[in-house]
Protein backbone atom coordinates (compact mmCIF):
# COMPACT_ATOMS: atom_id res chain seq x y z
CA MET A 1 296.14 195.76 62.31
CA ASN A 2 293.26 194.90 64.66
CA SER A 3 290.71 195.25 61.87
CA THR A 4 292.77 192.94 59.64
CA ARG A 5 293.05 190.33 62.39
CA THR A 6 289.31 190.54 63.02
CA LEU A 7 288.56 190.12 59.33
CA LEU A 8 290.87 187.09 59.13
CA LEU A 9 289.17 185.58 62.18
CA GLN A 10 285.74 186.09 60.62
CA LEU A 11 286.92 184.55 57.36
CA LEU A 12 288.45 181.57 59.19
CA LEU A 13 285.23 180.99 61.15
CA PHE A 14 283.23 181.15 57.92
CA VAL A 15 285.46 178.56 56.21
CA LEU A 16 285.34 176.29 59.27
CA THR A 17 281.56 176.61 59.31
CA ILE A 18 281.34 175.63 55.64
CA ILE A 19 283.38 172.52 56.47
CA SER A 20 281.45 171.67 59.64
CA THR A 21 278.01 172.10 58.03
CA SER A 22 279.11 170.04 55.02
CA LEU A 23 280.20 167.24 57.37
CA ALA A 24 276.93 167.46 59.29
CA GLY A 25 274.89 167.67 56.09
CA ALA A 26 276.49 164.51 54.72
CA GLU A 27 275.70 162.69 57.96
CA TRP A 28 272.04 163.70 57.73
CA MET A 29 271.86 162.80 54.05
CA PHE A 30 273.39 159.33 54.35
CA GLY A 31 272.32 158.47 57.88
CA ARG A 32 275.73 157.48 59.23
CA PRO A 33 278.87 159.22 60.57
CA PHE A 34 282.35 159.73 59.19
CA ASP A 35 285.29 157.48 60.03
CA LEU A 36 287.12 158.84 63.07
CA PRO A 37 290.04 157.26 64.96
CA PHE A 38 288.11 157.17 68.25
CA TYR A 39 284.76 156.14 66.77
CA GLN A 40 284.88 152.93 64.76
CA ILE A 41 281.76 151.98 62.80
CA GLU A 42 280.87 149.84 59.84
CA ASN A 43 280.61 151.50 56.43
CA PRO A 44 281.61 155.04 57.51
CA LEU A 45 281.34 158.08 55.28
CA GLY A 46 284.34 159.24 53.26
CA TRP A 47 285.53 162.13 51.12
CA GLU A 48 283.00 161.52 48.35
CA HIS A 49 280.22 161.93 50.92
CA PHE A 50 281.80 165.10 52.32
CA TRP A 51 281.53 166.78 48.93
CA GLN A 52 277.88 165.72 48.75
CA GLY A 53 277.40 167.57 52.04
CA PHE A 54 277.76 170.87 50.18
CA ARG A 55 274.25 170.25 48.85
CA PHE A 56 273.14 171.04 52.41
CA SER A 57 275.75 173.54 53.57
CA ILE A 58 275.46 175.91 50.59
CA PRO A 59 271.69 176.55 50.83
CA PHE A 60 271.70 176.48 54.64
CA LEU A 61 274.63 178.87 55.05
CA GLY A 62 273.28 180.91 52.16
CA ILE A 63 270.06 181.53 54.09
CA LEU A 64 271.98 182.22 57.31
CA THR A 65 274.30 184.64 55.52
CA VAL A 66 271.44 186.55 53.91
CA HIS A 67 269.81 186.80 57.35
CA GLU A 68 272.95 188.22 58.97
CA PHE A 69 273.65 190.64 56.14
CA GLY A 70 270.06 191.82 56.35
CA HIS A 71 270.93 193.05 59.84
CA TYR A 72 274.31 194.32 58.67
CA PHE A 73 273.05 196.45 55.78
CA ALA A 74 270.14 197.81 57.82
CA ALA A 75 272.64 198.92 60.46
CA LYS A 76 274.86 200.49 57.79
CA TYR A 77 271.83 202.28 56.33
CA HIS A 78 271.21 203.89 59.72
CA LYS A 79 274.94 204.62 60.18
CA VAL A 80 275.16 202.31 63.20
CA LYS A 81 278.62 200.85 63.83
CA VAL A 82 278.47 197.11 63.28
CA THR A 83 280.78 194.19 62.56
CA LEU A 84 280.62 191.64 59.79
CA PRO A 85 279.10 188.30 60.86
CA TYR A 86 280.91 185.90 63.17
CA TYR A 87 280.01 182.31 62.27
CA ILE A 88 280.09 179.60 64.94
CA PRO A 89 281.14 176.15 63.64
CA LEU A 90 280.18 173.08 65.64
CA TRP A 91 280.72 169.50 64.54
CA LEU A 92 281.63 166.85 67.08
CA GLY A 93 281.70 163.72 64.94
CA ILE A 94 279.53 161.96 67.53
CA GLY A 95 275.76 162.32 67.43
CA GLN A 96 273.71 164.46 65.10
CA THR A 97 274.48 168.17 64.78
CA ILE A 98 273.78 170.74 62.08
CA GLY A 99 277.40 171.87 61.97
CA THR A 100 276.91 175.33 63.45
CA LEU A 101 275.46 177.32 66.31
CA GLY A 102 274.54 180.09 63.89
CA ALA A 103 276.14 183.48 63.43
CA PHE A 104 275.94 186.94 64.92
CA ILE A 105 276.97 190.51 64.27
CA ARG A 106 278.16 192.89 66.97
CA ILE A 107 276.55 196.30 67.22
CA LYS A 108 279.29 198.56 68.54
CA GLU A 109 277.25 201.48 69.80
CA PHE A 110 274.11 202.16 71.80
CA ILE A 111 271.02 202.49 69.60
CA ARG A 112 268.85 205.35 70.80
CA SER A 113 266.11 205.14 68.20
CA ARG A 114 263.04 202.90 68.31
CA GLU A 115 262.92 203.03 64.52
CA LYS A 116 266.54 201.93 64.12
CA TYR A 117 266.04 198.98 66.49
CA PHE A 118 262.99 197.98 64.48
CA ASP A 119 264.68 198.23 61.08
CA ILE A 120 267.84 196.38 62.13
CA GLY A 121 265.88 193.69 63.97
CA ILE A 122 263.38 192.97 61.22
CA ALA A 123 265.74 193.08 58.23
CA GLY A 124 267.51 189.80 59.01
CA PRO A 125 264.49 187.50 59.44
CA LEU A 126 262.66 188.96 56.45
CA ALA A 127 265.67 188.61 54.16
CA GLY A 128 266.42 185.06 55.31
CA PHE A 129 262.75 184.08 55.12
CA VAL A 130 262.50 185.08 51.45
CA VAL A 131 265.50 182.92 50.54
CA ALA A 132 264.25 180.02 52.70
CA VAL A 133 260.91 180.05 50.88
CA GLY A 134 262.75 179.94 47.56
CA VAL A 135 264.90 177.01 48.71
CA LEU A 136 261.88 175.06 49.94
CA TRP A 137 259.85 175.79 46.83
CA TYR A 138 262.65 174.53 44.60
CA GLY A 139 263.32 171.56 46.89
CA PHE A 140 259.71 170.38 46.92
CA ALA A 141 259.14 171.13 43.24
CA THR A 142 262.16 169.06 42.13
CA LEU A 143 261.89 166.04 44.42
CA PRO A 144 263.60 162.93 43.03
CA THR A 145 261.69 159.68 42.73
CA LEU A 146 261.52 157.46 45.81
CA ASP A 147 264.40 155.43 44.35
CA TYR A 148 266.54 158.11 46.00
CA ILE A 149 265.70 156.57 49.39
CA PHE A 150 266.98 153.17 48.22
CA LYS A 151 270.42 154.71 47.66
CA ILE A 152 270.48 155.69 51.33
CA HIS A 153 268.74 152.57 52.63
CA PRO A 154 269.51 149.78 50.14
CA GLU A 155 268.00 147.32 52.62
CA TYR A 156 264.56 148.87 51.88
CA GLN A 157 264.70 147.98 48.18
CA LYS A 158 263.54 144.40 48.66
CA TYR A 159 260.18 145.73 49.86
CA GLY A 160 259.63 147.85 46.74
CA MET A 161 257.63 151.07 46.78
CA GLY A 162 255.57 149.74 49.66
CA PHE A 163 258.63 149.74 51.94
CA ALA A 164 257.05 152.22 54.37
CA ARG A 165 254.35 149.76 55.46
CA VAL A 166 257.00 147.19 56.40
CA VAL A 167 259.96 149.25 57.62
CA TYR A 168 258.12 151.72 59.82
CA ALA A 169 256.02 149.00 61.44
CA LYS A 170 259.21 147.90 63.18
CA ASN A 171 260.63 149.50 66.31
CA GLN A 172 261.69 153.05 65.42
CA ALA A 173 262.94 154.00 68.90
CA GLY A 174 265.68 156.62 68.76
CA ASN A 175 264.88 157.86 65.26
CA ILE A 176 264.57 161.62 64.77
CA LEU A 177 261.74 163.14 62.76
CA LEU A 178 261.39 166.73 61.63
CA GLY A 179 258.30 168.43 63.00
CA ASP A 180 255.88 170.50 61.00
CA ASN A 181 254.75 174.08 60.61
CA LEU A 182 252.12 175.81 58.51
CA LEU A 183 254.50 176.77 55.71
CA PHE A 184 256.14 173.35 55.49
CA THR A 185 252.69 171.74 55.39
CA PHE A 186 251.71 174.08 52.55
CA PHE A 187 254.70 173.02 50.46
CA LYS A 188 254.07 169.32 51.10
CA THR A 189 250.41 169.69 50.19
CA TYR A 190 250.43 172.07 47.23
CA VAL A 191 253.94 172.10 45.72
CA ALA A 192 255.33 168.57 46.06
CA ASP A 193 254.43 165.76 43.69
CA PRO A 194 252.58 163.38 46.05
CA THR A 195 254.11 160.35 44.32
CA ARG A 196 257.60 161.65 45.18
CA LEU A 197 256.94 163.02 48.66
CA PRO A 198 259.11 161.06 51.10
CA PRO A 199 257.76 159.64 54.37
CA PRO A 200 258.39 161.87 57.42
CA GLN A 201 261.11 159.46 58.57
CA GLU A 202 263.19 160.23 55.46
CA ILE A 203 262.82 163.99 54.92
CA MET A 204 266.09 164.76 56.71
CA HIS A 205 267.94 162.87 53.95
CA TYR A 206 266.86 165.54 51.41
CA PRO A 207 269.41 168.39 51.78
CA LEU A 208 267.28 171.22 50.39
CA LEU A 209 264.28 170.25 52.50
CA LEU A 210 266.43 169.94 55.62
CA ALA A 211 268.15 173.28 54.97
CA GLY A 212 264.83 175.00 54.35
CA TYR A 213 263.16 173.47 57.38
CA LEU A 214 266.03 174.44 59.68
CA ALA A 215 265.92 177.96 58.24
CA LEU A 216 262.22 178.22 59.11
CA PHE A 217 262.94 176.85 62.58
CA PHE A 218 265.65 179.42 63.29
CA THR A 219 263.55 182.19 61.73
CA SER A 220 260.75 181.36 64.15
CA LEU A 221 263.16 181.33 67.12
CA ASN A 222 264.53 184.72 66.10
CA LEU A 223 261.04 186.14 65.68
CA ILE A 224 259.77 185.09 69.11
CA PRO A 225 258.55 188.50 70.37
CA ILE A 226 260.42 188.42 73.68
CA GLY A 227 263.43 190.25 75.06
CA GLN A 228 266.13 191.30 72.62
CA LEU A 229 265.44 188.66 69.99
CA ASP A 230 264.67 190.00 66.52
CA GLY A 231 260.98 189.51 67.23
CA GLY A 232 261.47 191.44 70.46
CA HIS A 233 262.90 194.39 68.51
CA VAL A 234 259.89 194.21 66.19
CA LEU A 235 257.27 194.10 68.95
CA TYR A 236 259.08 196.82 70.92
CA GLY A 237 258.92 199.04 67.86
CA LEU A 238 255.24 198.30 67.36
CA ILE A 239 253.93 198.82 70.91
CA GLY A 240 256.59 200.92 72.65
CA ASN A 241 258.53 200.49 75.88
CA LYS A 242 255.68 200.82 78.41
CA ASN A 243 253.47 198.19 76.78
CA TYR A 244 256.42 195.96 75.94
CA ARG A 245 257.46 195.72 79.60
CA ILE A 246 254.03 194.23 80.29
CA VAL A 247 253.60 192.03 77.21
CA SER A 248 257.08 190.50 76.97
CA PRO A 249 257.12 188.87 80.46
CA ILE A 250 253.62 187.49 79.84
CA LEU A 251 254.70 185.95 76.53
CA PHE A 252 257.81 184.54 78.20
CA PHE A 253 255.68 182.95 80.94
CA VAL A 254 253.43 181.36 78.29
CA PHE A 255 256.48 180.11 76.37
CA ILE A 256 258.05 178.47 79.44
CA THR A 257 254.74 176.99 80.56
CA TYR A 258 254.15 175.45 77.13
CA ALA A 259 257.71 174.12 76.88
CA GLY A 260 257.45 172.17 80.12
CA LEU A 261 253.99 170.70 79.57
CA GLY A 262 254.01 166.95 80.14
CA MET A 263 257.38 166.80 81.88
CA TYR A 264 255.55 166.13 85.12
CA ARG A 265 252.00 164.80 85.39
CA ALA A 266 249.83 164.82 88.49
CA ASP A 267 249.07 161.10 88.30
CA GLU A 268 252.80 160.31 88.44
CA PHE A 269 252.76 161.27 92.12
CA ALA A 270 249.94 158.85 92.94
CA ILE A 271 252.29 155.95 93.65
CA ALA A 272 252.39 153.63 96.65
CA ASN A 273 256.16 153.23 96.74
CA ALA A 274 257.51 155.90 99.11
CA ASN A 275 261.02 155.86 97.63
CA LEU A 276 259.72 156.41 94.10
CA PHE A 277 257.43 159.19 95.35
CA TRP A 278 260.27 161.09 97.01
CA GLU A 279 262.53 160.60 93.98
CA GLN A 280 259.80 162.10 91.79
CA PHE A 281 259.23 164.89 94.31
CA ALA A 282 262.96 165.70 94.43
CA SER A 283 263.08 165.77 90.63
CA LEU A 284 260.18 168.22 90.63
CA GLY A 285 262.04 170.37 93.14
CA ILE A 286 265.07 170.57 90.85
CA TYR A 287 262.75 171.52 87.99
CA ILE A 288 261.25 174.34 90.10
CA ILE A 289 264.75 175.63 90.86
CA PHE A 290 265.49 175.61 87.13
CA LEU A 291 262.29 177.55 86.44
CA GLN A 292 263.10 180.23 88.99
CA LEU A 293 266.45 180.69 87.27
CA CYS A 294 264.58 181.24 84.00
CA TYR A 295 262.43 183.90 85.68
CA SER A 296 265.26 185.46 87.69
CA ARG A 297 265.52 188.67 85.64
CA ILE A 298 261.82 189.47 85.40
CA ASP A 299 261.86 191.32 88.73
CA GLU A 300 265.38 191.69 90.06
CA ASN A 301 264.18 193.87 92.94
CA ASN A 302 261.94 191.17 94.42
CA ALA A 303 263.36 187.66 94.78
CA LEU A 304 259.93 186.30 95.66
CA THR A 305 258.59 187.00 92.15
CA LYS A 306 260.70 184.37 90.40
CA TRP A 307 259.67 181.68 92.90
CA MET A 308 255.99 182.58 92.61
CA LEU A 309 256.20 182.40 88.81
CA ALA A 310 258.00 179.05 88.99
CA LEU A 311 255.35 177.60 91.31
CA LEU A 312 252.54 179.03 89.19
CA THR A 313 254.08 177.46 86.09
CA VAL A 314 254.24 174.03 87.72
CA THR A 315 250.70 174.38 89.08
CA ILE A 316 249.33 175.15 85.62
CA GLN A 317 251.31 172.32 84.03
CA LEU A 318 250.11 169.77 86.61
CA GLY A 319 246.55 171.06 86.36
CA LEU A 320 246.52 170.76 82.58
CA SER A 321 247.89 167.22 82.88
CA LEU A 322 244.79 166.32 84.90
CA LEU A 323 242.37 167.95 82.45
CA PHE A 324 244.19 166.80 79.31
CA PRO A 325 246.27 163.69 80.15
CA THR A 326 247.94 163.50 76.73
CA VAL A 327 248.92 167.18 76.46
CA GLU A 328 252.62 167.89 76.14
CA GLY A 329 254.81 170.76 75.05
CA TYR A 330 258.37 170.63 73.78
CA SER A 331 260.99 170.40 76.50
CA GLY A 332 263.73 171.37 74.05
CA PHE A 333 262.43 174.94 74.25
CA LEU A 334 263.34 175.08 77.95
CA ALA A 335 267.04 175.47 77.12
CA PHE A 336 266.22 178.41 74.85
CA GLY A 337 263.94 179.81 77.53
CA PHE A 338 266.81 179.62 80.02
CA LEU A 339 269.05 181.49 77.56
CA ILE A 340 266.44 184.24 77.18
CA GLY A 341 265.49 184.52 80.82
CA ARG A 342 268.91 184.17 82.41
CA VAL A 343 271.30 185.58 79.80
CA LEU A 344 269.59 187.76 77.19
CA GLY A 345 266.87 189.14 79.42
CA VAL A 346 263.12 189.40 78.97
CA TYR A 347 263.02 193.18 78.58
CA HIS A 348 264.26 195.48 75.83
CA PRO A 349 266.69 198.38 76.24
CA SER A 350 264.78 201.64 76.38
CA THR A 351 265.39 204.27 73.71
CA ASP A 352 265.55 208.05 73.83
CA ASP A 353 263.50 208.38 70.66
CA ILE A 354 260.00 207.13 71.51
CA ALA A 355 258.23 208.38 68.40
CA PRO A 356 255.79 205.76 67.01
CA LEU A 357 256.65 203.91 63.82
CA SER A 358 255.32 204.96 60.44
CA ASN A 359 252.27 203.11 59.13
CA SER A 360 254.36 201.29 56.52
CA ARG A 361 256.71 200.00 59.21
CA LYS A 362 253.76 198.89 61.33
CA VAL A 363 252.42 196.85 58.41
CA VAL A 364 255.82 195.20 57.89
CA GLY A 365 256.10 194.57 61.63
CA TRP A 366 252.79 192.74 61.86
CA LEU A 367 253.73 190.84 58.70
CA ALA A 368 256.90 189.66 60.47
CA LEU A 369 254.83 188.36 63.38
CA ILE A 370 252.59 186.52 60.91
CA ILE A 371 255.75 184.99 59.43
CA PHE A 372 256.64 183.84 62.95
CA VAL A 373 253.32 181.98 63.16
CA LEU A 374 253.84 180.42 59.71
CA CYS A 375 257.35 179.21 60.60
CA PHE A 376 256.78 178.13 64.20
CA SER A 377 256.66 174.42 64.91
CA PRO A 378 255.22 173.39 68.30
CA LYS A 379 257.47 170.31 68.19
CA PRO A 380 260.32 171.07 65.78
CA PHE A 381 262.09 167.73 66.29
CA VAL A 382 260.48 164.48 67.38
CA VAL A 383 262.52 161.66 68.88
CA LEU A 384 260.68 158.36 68.61
C-alpha cells in the first residue's frame, strides 16, 4: 500500500510539474503573465498560450528526467536501494519562475563504496548533458527568422530588422538577460545562422534555447565539486577522502568569495555623512553574520573558524574592490552557497571502501569536471 501511495505521489508531482513548467515556459516565451483573479493585467495569456508552453516544458523536463534516471539506473546497477524521482513544481503566477525547483531521488541505504558514489553521482549530469547538447544544437540549427520576435513584440515591427538599435537604446531597467558560458557561446558562434540569431534580450523567448541554457546552468550547479553535490561525489572519487577534506573547503571559500564580490566596496565607506556610514557599516555586519552561517559546518569543533573565514572573505572582497573597482561576482550564488554550507555540508561522507578508481573512471571523472567548466556561467542571469 505504501509503495502504491508513493508511486501515486510521484506521478502527481510529475504531472503538476509538467503543468507548472508549461505555464512558466509560456510566460517566458510571450513575455507576459496569465490572467489570474488577484493579478489583473492587460492582454494576459490564455489557454492557447499554455499549450505553446509545452515547447519549453517537454525539452526542459526531458533533460531533467534523463538526469534523474541517470542516477536511478546507476544506483540500480550497483544494487543500491533508491526511489523514483520526486519532482518539485513551483509556479506562483507572479514574477518569473521556471516552473520547478528540480527533482531528486532518495537513496535509501548507506553507500560504503567510493566507486558506487562516483558512478551514481556522475551518471546523472553526464546523461542530462548529452541531451542538453542535442536540444541546444537543434535549437540553434533551426532558428526561425527574426520575424518570430515581431509576434512577441508587435510594437517592434515598425522599426524593421533594425529594431535592436532603436528598442535597446531605451531604458531597459528591470529586464532579465541570460548569461553566457563556453558551450552556449560555441553554439551561437558556430551553429546558429548569424542572420537569425536573436539579440541577447530576446533569447529567453526561444523555448529550446531557454530549456537548453537552463539545463547547462543546473548541470554546472550539480557539478560544482563541493560537498555532496554530484561534482562532490566525482571529486571525492578521484582524490579520496583525505585530500577531499582539504580541497572541498578551499573550493567553497573561493566560491563564496567570488559570489559576494562587489556587494560592498571600500570606497562606499568613505562618506562624510555619519548616518549613512553607520547604516553601511551595519549592513556589512549583517553580511558578515550571513557569511559565518555559510561557513558554520567547516569546523564544528571551533566556533572561531567560521568567524575568521567570514572576516577573511570580506577583507579579500574589499581589497579586490580597491585594486579592481569594477570587479563583481554574482550575488545569486550566495543563496546556493548558504544551502551547501549550512544544509548539505561542505564535506563528503566517508566510505569503508577506499580503493582508488579505475583508470577509465578517472578519465570520465576529469571529463565531468571539464563539462562543469564548459557549462558554468559566471553570471547566469543578468538583471539590467
